[in-house]
Amino acid sequence: MKNVFLLCMLLSWSCNRVFDAPEPFPDADIKATITIQDLKALHAVKGRFDRITADGVIAGVVTADDRSGNFYRSIVLQDNTGGIALLLERTGLYNDYPIGRKVFVKVKGLMLGDYRGLIQLGADVDVSDPADITLAGIAASLLSRYLVKGSLNNVVVPATVTKAQLTTALHDPYQNTLIRLNNAEFAVADSGATYANAKAKITGSYRLYTCTDTLVAVRTSAYATFAGIRLPAGNGTVTGIYSVFNSEKQLMIRDTADVQLKALRCTRVTVPDVEQPYTAGIALTASPLLLHFNALDSVLPQGMYLYTGATATGIGTATNFIHSRTSWANTSGGFKNYASAAGLQMQSTQAQQQAANDRAAGVRQVTVTDKGVAFVFEINNTTGKTGIELDWNMQSLDAGAERTTQWTVDYAQGLNPTVFTPLQTIPEVVITGGGRFSNTPIKVVLPEVLHNNSRKLTLRIAALQATAGSGSRATTAIDNVRISWR
């Protein structure tokens, strides 16, 4: 009985004991020796990689992590002098480095670089894609060597800024810092869109406006947990990490709590992209709309244009079309009038090519156009149109061309597009050259964001990457372009 009594007393004491609250995670026994601004100053030339050879420690508070999926294998650190993106080769970083945690980084041995003008801190040069050399992140096994976790729940107050304060300079003071934009709203035409297209794995990019001006592009990963949420239609404040992509000013939000657009919209919007109609392009009248090229001896179809120097953030420079009939094996560069591969064979003679009335619009790439050539179609609007699809035949015409060209299909909206969003093609990879003669059907299903839209739509078939291999470059043509809708 005595033992039972003692056991009951012990249980009663343990069940009613009030445990002490856990101590806040203290800062480690380490101090910063340089500021983030001083560290970034070591990277003075855009596109270069700079190994850090001196001892040094930066300290910053995490202002963005990977919890929502909009930041991938990276966190953003900020101190009172600036911010920097830290590339880490691991997922689930928010478990150890959540927003509000102070983190100390031992920088000796690490490397500074920039991705299209956005300064980053990583481990080494990634040369897995010779055409797009980037900075590699710190390996998961080495994180404890370079990163020291500090206190939690630190608060960074976003800086309220205007468009005039933001630049795309390499050392812009707001780059990779938490900012807030006031009196902001998305375009009326984008009100039915989602932040990104998660189903088709297409990144979202939508401009923010004030009542009289453009602000920045809000960019969202297709893998973000909020990708499928619709953009709010009101006016208000938007908070996020300021970033750049070449000449494009961008904002990366952490989650939808950063977007507080609940007030009434502007009553008068004077942004040209929103109000001015576009009528010089392709009018979608009856479905399907067919673009044949059998009149290339004299004219291109209305709304079709040709560009060199195209990039993901620039349409490039308009160039001329050579209307005289040209043989597939002609090695001079330029956009030209070729015989279509349909109905002919790889061995078709030059005379047979000249006589063929089925024509295709093509390009012969040379050194100066190794990348950046683009077939461009400008569509006035998609008002009242849904289920929009683009089909065409991609033709590789010169079997003697050893190099390969990979083609990207992308789109942009507005009168003066600066950001192009890639589209998924069927088949997924579109390549010409490589000693092949081919006539391949290609299909693209346009995302819902482009349905029933009053803005100008620009569609491109572009070679944005350098050619691969050695030898001569491809002669590539397109034929039988078809746009269909419901």
Protein backbone atom coordinates (compact mmCIF):
# COMPACT_ATOMS: atom_id res chain seq x y z
CA MET A 1 0.00 0.00 0.00
CA LYS A 2 2.86 2.35 0.79
CA ASN A 3 4.36 1.76 -2.67
CA VAL A 4 1.02 2.40 -4.35
CA PHE A 5 0.65 5.66 -2.42
CA LEU A 6 4.11 6.84 -3.47
CA LEU A 7 3.41 5.94 -7.11
CA CYS A 8 0.16 7.92 -7.07
CA MET A 9 1.94 10.94 -5.56
CA LEU A 10 4.64 10.72 -8.24
CA LEU A 11 2.11 10.53 -11.07
CA SER A 12 0.13 13.42 -9.66
CA TRP A 13 3.26 15.58 -9.41
CA SER A 14 4.41 14.75 -12.95
CA CYS A 15 1.01 15.35 -14.55
CA ASN A 16 0.60 18.75 -12.90
CA ARG A 17 4.15 19.98 -13.32
CA VAL A 18 4.51 23.23 -15.24
CA PHE A 19 7.51 22.95 -17.53
CA ASP A 20 9.67 25.94 -18.30
CA ALA A 21 9.25 27.42 -21.80
CA PRO A 22 12.23 26.61 -24.06
CA GLU A 23 14.92 29.21 -24.24
CA PRO A 24 15.04 31.25 -27.45
CA PHE A 25 17.71 29.96 -29.84
CA PRO A 26 20.71 32.14 -28.97
CA ASP A 27 23.14 33.66 -31.44
CA ALA A 28 26.23 31.55 -31.86
CA ASP A 29 29.60 32.53 -30.48
CA ILE A 30 30.58 34.15 -33.77
CA LYS A 31 30.47 37.71 -35.08
CA ALA A 32 30.25 39.31 -38.49
CA THR A 33 33.48 40.79 -39.78
CA ILE A 34 32.19 42.23 -43.06
CA THR A 35 28.84 43.53 -44.26
CA ILE A 36 26.81 42.07 -47.08
CA GLN A 37 27.40 45.27 -49.03
CA ASP A 38 31.17 44.89 -48.67
CA LEU A 39 30.96 41.25 -49.72
CA LYS A 40 28.97 42.08 -52.85
CA ALA A 41 31.48 44.78 -53.76
CA LEU A 42 34.01 42.00 -54.35
CA HIS A 43 31.93 41.02 -57.40
CA ALA A 44 32.66 44.01 -59.61
CA VAL A 45 32.11 42.65 -63.12
CA LYS A 46 28.80 41.23 -64.36
CA GLY A 47 29.13 37.67 -65.63
CA ARG A 48 32.39 36.96 -63.82
CA PHE A 49 32.92 34.47 -60.99
CA ASP A 50 34.98 35.58 -57.98
CA ARG A 51 36.47 33.13 -55.47
CA ILE A 52 36.69 34.52 -51.92
CA THR A 53 40.19 33.87 -50.61
CA ALA A 54 40.21 35.90 -47.38
CA ASP A 55 38.64 35.02 -44.04
CA GLY A 56 35.36 36.76 -43.39
CA VAL A 57 31.93 36.31 -41.85
CA ILE A 58 28.68 37.93 -42.89
CA ALA A 59 25.56 37.89 -40.73
CA GLY A 60 22.03 38.43 -41.95
CA VAL A 61 18.42 37.63 -41.24
CA VAL A 62 16.62 35.24 -43.59
CA THR A 63 13.99 37.21 -45.50
CA ALA A 64 13.00 34.44 -47.95
CA ASP A 65 13.13 30.64 -47.69
CA ASP A 66 11.84 27.70 -49.74
CA ARG A 67 8.72 26.92 -47.72
CA SER A 68 6.27 27.98 -50.46
CA GLY A 69 8.40 26.71 -53.35
CA ASN A 70 8.86 30.11 -54.98
CA PHE A 71 12.53 30.11 -53.95
CA TYR A 72 14.30 26.89 -54.91
CA ARG A 73 17.37 25.64 -53.07
CA SER A 74 18.17 29.13 -51.88
CA ILE A 75 17.57 31.57 -49.08
CA VAL A 76 17.94 35.33 -49.01
CA LEU A 77 19.93 37.04 -46.26
CA GLN A 78 19.72 40.72 -45.37
CA ASP A 79 21.62 42.97 -42.99
CA ASN A 80 21.38 46.74 -42.58
CA THR A 81 23.55 47.30 -45.68
CA GLY A 82 21.90 45.04 -48.25
CA GLY A 83 20.83 41.53 -49.21
CA ILE A 84 22.20 38.51 -51.04
CA ALA A 85 20.90 35.20 -52.37
CA LEU A 86 22.64 32.16 -50.89
CA LEU A 87 22.53 29.02 -53.06
CA LEU A 88 22.28 25.77 -51.06
CA GLU A 89 22.04 22.33 -52.65
CA ARG A 90 19.24 21.04 -50.47
CA THR A 91 15.47 21.25 -50.23
CA GLY A 92 13.42 21.85 -47.09
CA LEU A 93 15.76 24.67 -46.09
CA TYR A 94 13.00 26.40 -44.13
CA ASN A 95 13.33 23.73 -41.43
CA ASP A 96 16.79 24.99 -40.49
CA TYR A 97 16.85 28.46 -42.03
CA PRO A 98 13.31 29.86 -41.77
CA ILE A 99 12.36 33.46 -42.38
CA GLY A 100 13.45 35.46 -39.32
CA ARG A 101 16.46 33.32 -38.41
CA LYS A 102 19.82 35.04 -38.13
CA VAL A 103 22.49 33.17 -40.06
CA PHE A 104 26.25 33.61 -40.02
CA VAL A 105 28.17 32.63 -43.15
CA LYS A 106 31.90 31.94 -43.27
CA VAL A 107 32.67 33.13 -46.77
CA LYS A 108 36.28 32.02 -47.33
CA GLY A 109 36.36 29.47 -50.13
CA LEU A 110 32.91 30.35 -51.42
CA MET A 111 32.26 32.06 -54.75
CA LEU A 112 30.39 35.16 -55.87
CA GLY A 113 28.59 35.31 -59.21
CA ASP A 114 25.45 36.71 -60.72
CA TYR A 115 22.54 35.22 -62.59
CA ARG A 116 21.54 37.70 -65.29
CA GLY A 117 22.64 40.55 -63.03
CA LEU A 118 21.39 39.24 -59.66
CA ILE A 119 24.35 38.70 -57.32
CA GLN A 120 24.51 35.29 -55.62
CA LEU A 121 26.80 33.50 -53.17
CA GLY A 122 27.55 29.86 -53.87
CA ALA A 123 30.28 27.25 -53.97
CA ASP A 124 31.65 26.87 -57.48
CA VAL A 125 31.06 27.27 -61.20
CA ASP A 126 28.47 24.97 -62.76
CA VAL A 127 29.58 24.08 -66.30
CA SER A 128 27.06 21.28 -66.89
CA ASP A 129 25.52 23.44 -69.63
CA PRO A 130 28.37 25.10 -71.57
CA ALA A 131 25.89 27.48 -73.16
CA ASP A 132 24.66 28.71 -69.77
CA ILE A 133 27.43 28.64 -67.16
CA THR A 134 26.03 29.45 -63.72
CA LEU A 135 26.92 29.40 -60.03
CA ALA A 136 26.53 26.11 -58.15
CA GLY A 137 25.18 25.96 -54.61
CA ILE A 138 26.89 24.78 -51.45
CA ALA A 139 26.60 21.00 -51.12
CA ALA A 140 24.24 19.76 -48.40
CA SER A 141 27.08 17.90 -46.69
CA LEU A 142 29.07 21.15 -46.37
CA LEU A 143 26.38 23.45 -45.00
CA SER A 144 27.56 23.13 -41.40
CA ARG A 145 31.08 24.10 -42.48
CA TYR A 146 29.96 27.45 -43.84
CA LEU A 147 26.63 28.29 -42.15
CA VAL A 148 26.06 28.87 -38.43
CA LYS A 149 22.49 29.15 -37.17
CA GLY A 150 21.60 32.08 -34.93
CA SER A 151 18.53 33.41 -33.14
CA LEU A 152 14.96 33.02 -34.41
CA ASN A 153 12.03 35.40 -34.94
CA ASN A 154 14.07 38.42 -36.01
CA VAL A 155 11.95 40.94 -37.90
CA VAL A 156 13.06 42.74 -41.04
CA VAL A 157 10.82 45.67 -41.94
CA PRO A 158 10.42 46.02 -45.73
CA ALA A 159 11.58 49.29 -47.24
CA THR A 160 8.76 51.18 -48.93
CA VAL A 161 10.11 52.26 -52.31
CA THR A 162 9.01 53.82 -55.59
CA LYS A 163 9.78 52.74 -59.13
CA ALA A 164 12.32 55.57 -59.47
CA GLN A 165 14.41 54.11 -56.63
CA LEU A 166 14.78 50.70 -58.29
CA THR A 167 17.42 50.05 -60.94
CA THR A 168 18.91 47.03 -62.66
CA ALA A 169 22.47 48.03 -61.74
CA LEU A 170 24.67 45.20 -60.49
CA HIS A 171 25.08 46.89 -57.09
CA ASP A 172 21.62 48.40 -56.74
CA PRO A 173 21.15 48.80 -52.95
CA TYR A 174 17.68 47.23 -53.02
CA GLN A 175 18.74 44.12 -54.93
CA ASN A 176 17.82 40.99 -52.92
CA THR A 177 16.23 43.02 -50.14
CA LEU A 178 12.68 43.03 -48.81
CA ILE A 179 10.73 45.93 -50.33
CA ARG A 180 7.14 47.14 -50.38
CA LEU A 181 5.30 48.83 -53.27
CA ASN A 182 2.23 50.96 -52.57
CA ASN A 183 -0.79 51.78 -54.75
CA ALA A 184 -0.13 48.73 -56.90
CA GLU A 185 -2.47 46.58 -58.99
CA PHE A 186 -2.35 43.99 -61.75
CA ALA A 187 -3.72 44.77 -65.21
CA VAL A 188 -7.45 44.29 -65.74
CA ALA A 189 -6.68 41.79 -68.50
CA ASP A 190 -4.76 39.62 -66.00
CA SER A 191 -7.50 39.54 -63.38
CA GLY A 192 -8.55 35.99 -64.26
CA ALA A 193 -5.01 34.59 -64.39
CA THR A 194 -3.28 32.46 -61.78
CA TYR A 195 0.14 33.32 -60.35
CA ALA A 196 1.65 30.57 -62.54
CA ASN A 197 0.52 27.55 -64.52
CA ALA A 198 1.27 24.61 -62.24
CA LYS A 199 -0.30 22.03 -64.54
CA ALA A 200 1.80 22.96 -67.57
CA LYS A 201 4.82 23.86 -65.40
CA ILE A 202 4.95 27.40 -66.81
CA THR A 203 6.39 30.23 -64.73
CA GLY A 204 4.09 33.21 -64.21
CA SER A 205 5.14 36.79 -64.87
CA TYR A 206 2.64 39.63 -64.48
CA ARG A 207 3.27 43.35 -64.34
CA LEU A 208 2.24 45.55 -61.47
CA TYR A 209 0.96 49.03 -62.29
CA THR A 210 0.13 52.22 -60.52
CA CYS A 211 -2.64 54.44 -61.89
CA THR A 212 -0.19 56.12 -64.27
CA ASP A 213 2.89 53.93 -64.62
CA THR A 214 4.35 50.43 -64.66
CA LEU A 215 6.20 49.13 -61.61
CA VAL A 216 7.80 45.67 -61.76
CA ALA A 217 7.01 42.15 -62.93
CA VAL A 218 5.84 39.72 -60.24
CA ARG A 219 7.45 36.39 -61.11
CA THR A 220 6.20 33.08 -59.68
CA SER A 221 7.54 29.56 -60.05
CA ALA A 222 5.19 26.95 -61.45
CA TYR A 223 6.21 24.83 -58.44
CA ALA A 224 5.08 27.40 -55.86
CA THR A 225 2.32 26.13 -53.58
CA PHE A 226 0.23 29.17 -54.54
CA ALA A 227 0.81 28.88 -58.32
CA GLY A 228 -2.83 27.99 -58.97
CA ILE A 229 -4.33 30.87 -56.97
CA ARG A 230 -5.86 33.69 -59.01
CA LEU A 231 -4.36 37.16 -58.99
CA PRO A 232 -6.30 39.61 -56.82
CA ALA A 233 -8.15 42.32 -58.71
CA GLY A 234 -7.86 45.20 -56.23
CA ASN A 235 -5.31 47.88 -55.41
CA GLY A 236 -2.95 48.04 -52.44
CA THR A 237 0.52 46.98 -51.30
CA VAL A 238 2.80 44.21 -52.53
CA THR A 239 5.83 43.02 -50.57
CA GLY A 240 8.62 40.81 -51.81
CA ILE A 241 12.28 40.34 -52.62
CA TYR A 242 13.50 42.73 -55.31
CA SER A 243 15.44 41.00 -58.06
CA VAL A 244 16.56 41.65 -61.62
CA PHE A 245 16.80 39.59 -64.79
CA ASN A 246 19.00 41.45 -67.26
CA SER A 247 17.07 44.69 -67.86
CA GLU A 248 13.87 43.46 -66.19
CA LYS A 249 12.88 44.64 -62.69
CA GLN A 250 11.23 41.78 -60.83
CA LEU A 251 9.59 41.04 -57.50
CA MET A 252 9.53 37.58 -55.93
CA ILE A 253 6.84 37.16 -53.28
CA ARG A 254 7.20 34.60 -50.46
CA ASP A 255 3.49 33.67 -50.43
CA THR A 256 0.15 35.34 -51.12
CA ALA A 257 0.20 37.10 -47.73
CA ASP A 258 2.70 39.44 -49.39
CA VAL A 259 -0.01 40.62 -51.80
CA GLN A 260 -2.56 42.87 -50.11
CA LEU A 261 -4.69 44.23 -52.96
CA LYS A 262 -8.04 44.81 -51.29
CA ALA A 263 -8.77 48.48 -52.01
CA LEU A 264 -10.64 49.87 -55.02
CA ARG A 265 -8.77 49.90 -58.30
CA CYS A 266 -7.72 53.09 -60.02
CA THR A 267 -10.62 54.83 -61.73
CA ARG A 268 -8.41 55.99 -64.61
CA VAL A 269 -5.57 53.87 -65.95
CA THR A 270 -3.35 55.44 -68.60
CA VAL A 271 -0.79 52.67 -69.00
CA PRO A 272 -0.47 52.10 -72.79
CA ASP A 273 -0.23 48.31 -72.42
CA VAL A 274 -3.64 48.25 -70.77
CA GLU A 275 -5.74 50.60 -72.89
CA GLN A 276 -4.42 51.00 -76.41
CA PRO A 277 -5.78 48.37 -78.84
CA TYR A 278 -3.46 46.69 -81.32
CA THR A 279 -4.72 46.15 -84.87
CA ALA A 280 -1.60 45.65 -87.03
CA GLY A 281 -1.22 41.95 -86.29
CA ILE A 282 -3.15 38.74 -86.88
CA ALA A 283 -6.91 38.97 -86.39
CA LEU A 284 -8.46 35.74 -85.11
CA THR A 285 -11.62 35.67 -87.21
CA ALA A 286 -12.56 32.10 -88.10
CA SER A 287 -11.02 28.98 -86.54
CA PRO A 288 -8.72 27.50 -87.61
CA LEU A 289 -6.61 30.34 -89.01
CA LEU A 290 -4.10 28.97 -91.52
CA LEU A 291 -0.86 30.71 -92.46
CA HIS A 292 0.61 29.27 -95.64
CA PHE A 293 3.79 30.64 -97.15
CA ASN A 294 3.09 30.13 -100.83
CA ALA A 295 3.21 33.89 -101.49
CA LEU A 296 6.72 34.31 -100.08
CA ASP A 297 8.02 35.39 -103.48
CA SER A 298 6.54 38.79 -102.66
CA VAL A 299 5.23 39.05 -99.09
CA LEU A 300 5.18 37.59 -95.58
CA PRO A 301 1.81 36.88 -93.94
CA GLN A 302 0.40 39.85 -92.03
CA GLY A 303 1.46 39.88 -88.41
CA MET A 304 4.58 37.76 -88.99
CA TYR A 305 7.98 39.28 -88.25
CA LEU A 306 11.58 38.07 -88.14
CA TYR A 307 14.17 38.93 -85.50
CA THR A 308 17.80 38.42 -84.58
CA GLY A 309 19.30 38.94 -81.13
CA ALA A 310 16.20 37.60 -79.37
CA THR A 311 16.53 36.78 -75.65
CA ALA A 312 14.19 35.73 -72.86
CA THR A 313 13.83 39.40 -71.90
CA GLY A 314 14.08 41.09 -75.28
CA ILE A 315 12.38 40.66 -78.62
CA GLY A 316 15.61 41.48 -80.47
CA THR A 317 16.15 43.41 -83.70
CA ALA A 318 13.79 43.20 -86.65
CA THR A 319 15.45 41.97 -89.82
CA ASN A 320 14.64 41.58 -93.52
CA PHE A 321 13.37 38.57 -95.43
CA ILE A 322 14.98 37.42 -98.71
CA HIS A 323 12.03 36.77 -101.03
CA SER A 324 14.00 35.16 -103.87
CA ARG A 325 13.85 31.37 -103.90
CA THR A 326 16.90 29.83 -102.21
CA SER A 327 18.23 26.28 -102.10
CA TRP A 328 18.40 24.40 -98.83
CA ALA A 329 22.19 24.06 -98.95
CA ASN A 330 22.89 27.78 -99.50
CA THR A 331 25.33 28.74 -96.72
CA SER A 332 24.79 32.51 -96.56
CA GLY A 333 22.94 33.64 -93.46
CA GLY A 334 19.49 35.16 -93.24
CA PHE A 335 15.74 34.51 -93.36
CA LYS A 336 14.81 33.13 -96.76
CA ASN A 337 12.19 31.66 -99.07
CA TYR A 338 12.73 27.87 -99.21
CA ALA A 339 10.89 24.98 -100.81
CA SER A 340 8.84 23.18 -98.17
CA ALA A 341 10.00 19.73 -97.16
CA ALA A 342 6.45 18.48 -97.74
CA GLY A 343 6.32 16.60 -101.03
CA LEU A 344 10.08 16.68 -101.58
CA GLN A 345 12.94 14.47 -100.47
CA MET A 346 16.38 15.03 -99.00
CA GLN A 347 17.85 14.32 -102.45
CA SER A 348 15.61 16.83 -104.27
CA THR A 349 17.70 18.85 -106.70
CA GLN A 350 18.10 22.59 -106.67
CA ALA A 351 15.93 22.77 -109.80
CA GLN A 352 13.16 20.81 -108.07
CA GLN A 353 13.37 23.10 -105.06
CA GLN A 354 13.16 26.18 -107.29
CA ALA A 355 10.11 24.81 -109.10
CA ALA A 356 8.19 23.83 -105.96
CA ASN A 357 5.21 26.07 -105.27
CA ASP A 358 4.80 24.81 -101.70
CA ARG A 359 7.06 27.26 -99.87
CA ALA A 360 8.32 27.58 -96.28
CA ALA A 361 9.75 30.52 -94.33
CA GLY A 362 13.20 29.61 -93.08
CA VAL A 363 16.52 30.79 -91.71
CA ARG A 364 20.13 29.81 -92.26
CA GLN A 365 22.12 30.35 -89.06
CA VAL A 366 25.71 31.53 -89.30
CA THR A 367 28.24 32.69 -86.69
CA VAL A 368 26.56 36.04 -85.96
CA THR A 369 23.15 34.36 -85.64
CA ASP A 370 24.32 31.30 -83.72
CA LYS A 371 21.51 32.13 -81.29
CA GLY A 372 18.77 34.73 -81.13
CA VAL A 373 16.92 34.12 -84.42
CA ALA A 374 13.15 34.12 -84.04
CA PHE A 375 9.95 33.70 -86.06
CA VAL A 376 7.44 36.07 -84.44
CA PHE A 377 3.65 36.19 -84.74
CA GLU A 378 1.75 39.17 -83.33
CA ILE A 379 -1.94 38.54 -82.56
CA ASN A 380 -4.21 41.53 -82.03
CA ASN A 381 -6.07 39.94 -79.10
CA THR A 382 -7.79 36.73 -78.02
CA THR A 383 -11.06 38.32 -76.92
CA GLY A 384 -13.81 35.70 -76.76
CA LYS A 385 -11.38 32.86 -77.61
CA THR A 386 -10.66 29.81 -75.44
CA GLY A 387 -8.90 26.50 -76.01
CA ILE A 388 -6.27 28.18 -78.19
CA GLU A 389 -3.71 25.95 -79.90
CA LEU A 390 -0.75 26.61 -82.18
CA ASP A 391 0.41 23.99 -84.70
CA TRP A 392 3.04 24.04 -87.41
CA ASN A 393 5.60 21.92 -89.24
CA MET A 394 9.23 22.36 -88.15
CA GLN A 395 11.52 21.51 -91.02
CA SER A 396 15.21 20.64 -90.97
CA LEU A 397 16.24 21.12 -94.59
CA ASP A 398 19.99 20.81 -95.02
CA ALA A 399 21.15 17.25 -94.31
CA GLY A 400 24.74 18.44 -94.58
CA ALA A 401 24.48 20.69 -91.48
CA GLU A 402 26.09 18.90 -88.52
CA ARG A 403 25.28 21.35 -85.71
CA THR A 404 21.96 21.17 -83.90
CA THR A 405 19.65 24.03 -82.96
CA GLN A 406 17.17 23.77 -80.11
CA TRP A 407 14.03 25.87 -80.49
CA THR A 408 11.93 27.46 -77.76
CA VAL A 409 8.32 28.55 -78.09
CA ASP A 410 7.34 31.41 -75.80
CA TYR A 411 4.90 34.29 -75.46
CA ALA A 412 4.59 37.84 -74.17
CA GLN A 413 1.67 40.22 -73.73
CA GLY A 414 1.34 43.94 -74.28
CA LEU A 415 2.42 46.49 -76.84
CA ASN A 416 6.12 46.50 -75.96
CA PRO A 417 6.94 43.08 -74.48
CA THR A 418 10.07 42.66 -72.35
CA VAL A 419 9.45 39.33 -70.61
CA PHE A 420 8.81 36.12 -72.55
CA THR A 421 7.35 33.03 -70.89
CA PRO A 422 8.23 29.59 -72.31
CA LEU A 423 5.46 27.27 -73.50
CA GLN A 424 5.36 23.48 -73.46
CA THR A 425 5.68 21.92 -76.91
CA ILE A 426 4.57 18.52 -78.17
CA PRO A 427 7.04 16.90 -78.67
CA GLU A 428 8.75 18.38 -75.65
CA VAL A 429 12.11 19.09 -77.35
CA VAL A 430 12.28 20.73 -80.78
CA ILE A 431 15.64 20.35 -82.54
CA THR A 432 16.77 20.88 -86.13
CA GLY A 433 20.09 20.19 -87.83
CA GLY A 434 22.33 17.30 -86.88
CA GLY A 435 22.49 16.03 -90.46
CA ARG A 436 18.76 15.39 -90.60
CA PHE A 437 16.10 16.12 -93.20
CA SER A 438 12.75 16.26 -91.42
CA ASN A 439 9.24 17.71 -91.43
CA THR A 440 8.01 17.41 -87.83
CA PRO A 441 4.50 18.45 -86.65
CA ILE A 442 4.70 20.60 -83.50
CA LYS A 443 1.81 21.48 -81.22
CA VAL A 444 1.44 24.01 -78.40
CA VAL A 445 -1.62 24.41 -76.17
CA LEU A 446 -1.78 27.99 -74.94
CA PRO A 447 -2.42 28.45 -71.18
CA GLU A 448 -5.67 29.82 -69.83
CA VAL A 449 -4.05 33.14 -68.99
CA LEU A 450 -3.96 33.85 -72.74
CA HIS A 451 -7.64 33.06 -73.28
CA ASN A 452 -10.22 35.83 -73.76
CA ASN A 453 -7.61 38.55 -73.39
CA SER A 454 -7.83 42.04 -74.88
CA ARG A 455 -4.06 42.61 -74.97
CA LYS A 456 -1.72 42.06 -77.89
CA LEU A 457 -0.24 38.55 -77.84
CA THR A 458 3.25 37.86 -79.21
CA LEU A 459 4.17 34.24 -79.97
CA ARG A 460 7.75 33.30 -80.87
CA ILE A 461 9.55 30.29 -82.26
CA ALA A 462 13.10 31.20 -81.24
CA ALA A 463 16.59 29.75 -80.97
CA LEU A 464 17.65 31.22 -77.62
CA GLN A 465 20.56 28.85 -77.01
CA ALA A 466 23.85 28.50 -78.85
CA THR A 467 24.01 25.70 -81.41
CA ALA A 468 25.58 22.43 -80.31
CA GLY A 469 28.29 20.45 -82.05
CA SER A 470 30.69 21.45 -84.80
CA GLY A 471 30.54 22.10 -88.51
CA SER A 472 27.92 24.09 -90.41
CA ARG A 473 24.71 25.37 -88.84
CA ALA A 474 21.21 24.33 -89.76
CA THR A 475 18.78 25.54 -92.37
CA THR A 476 15.45 25.54 -90.52
CA ALA A 477 12.00 26.41 -91.86
CA ILE A 478 8.41 26.56 -90.66
CA ASP A 479 5.33 25.77 -92.70
CA ASN A 480 1.57 25.28 -92.34
CA VAL A 481 1.15 27.45 -89.25
CA ARG A 482 -2.32 26.97 -87.78
CA ILE A 483 -4.01 28.77 -84.88
CA SER A 484 -7.25 27.20 -83.64
CA TRP A 485 -9.65 28.01 -80.83
CA ARG A 486 -13.16 27.53 -79.50
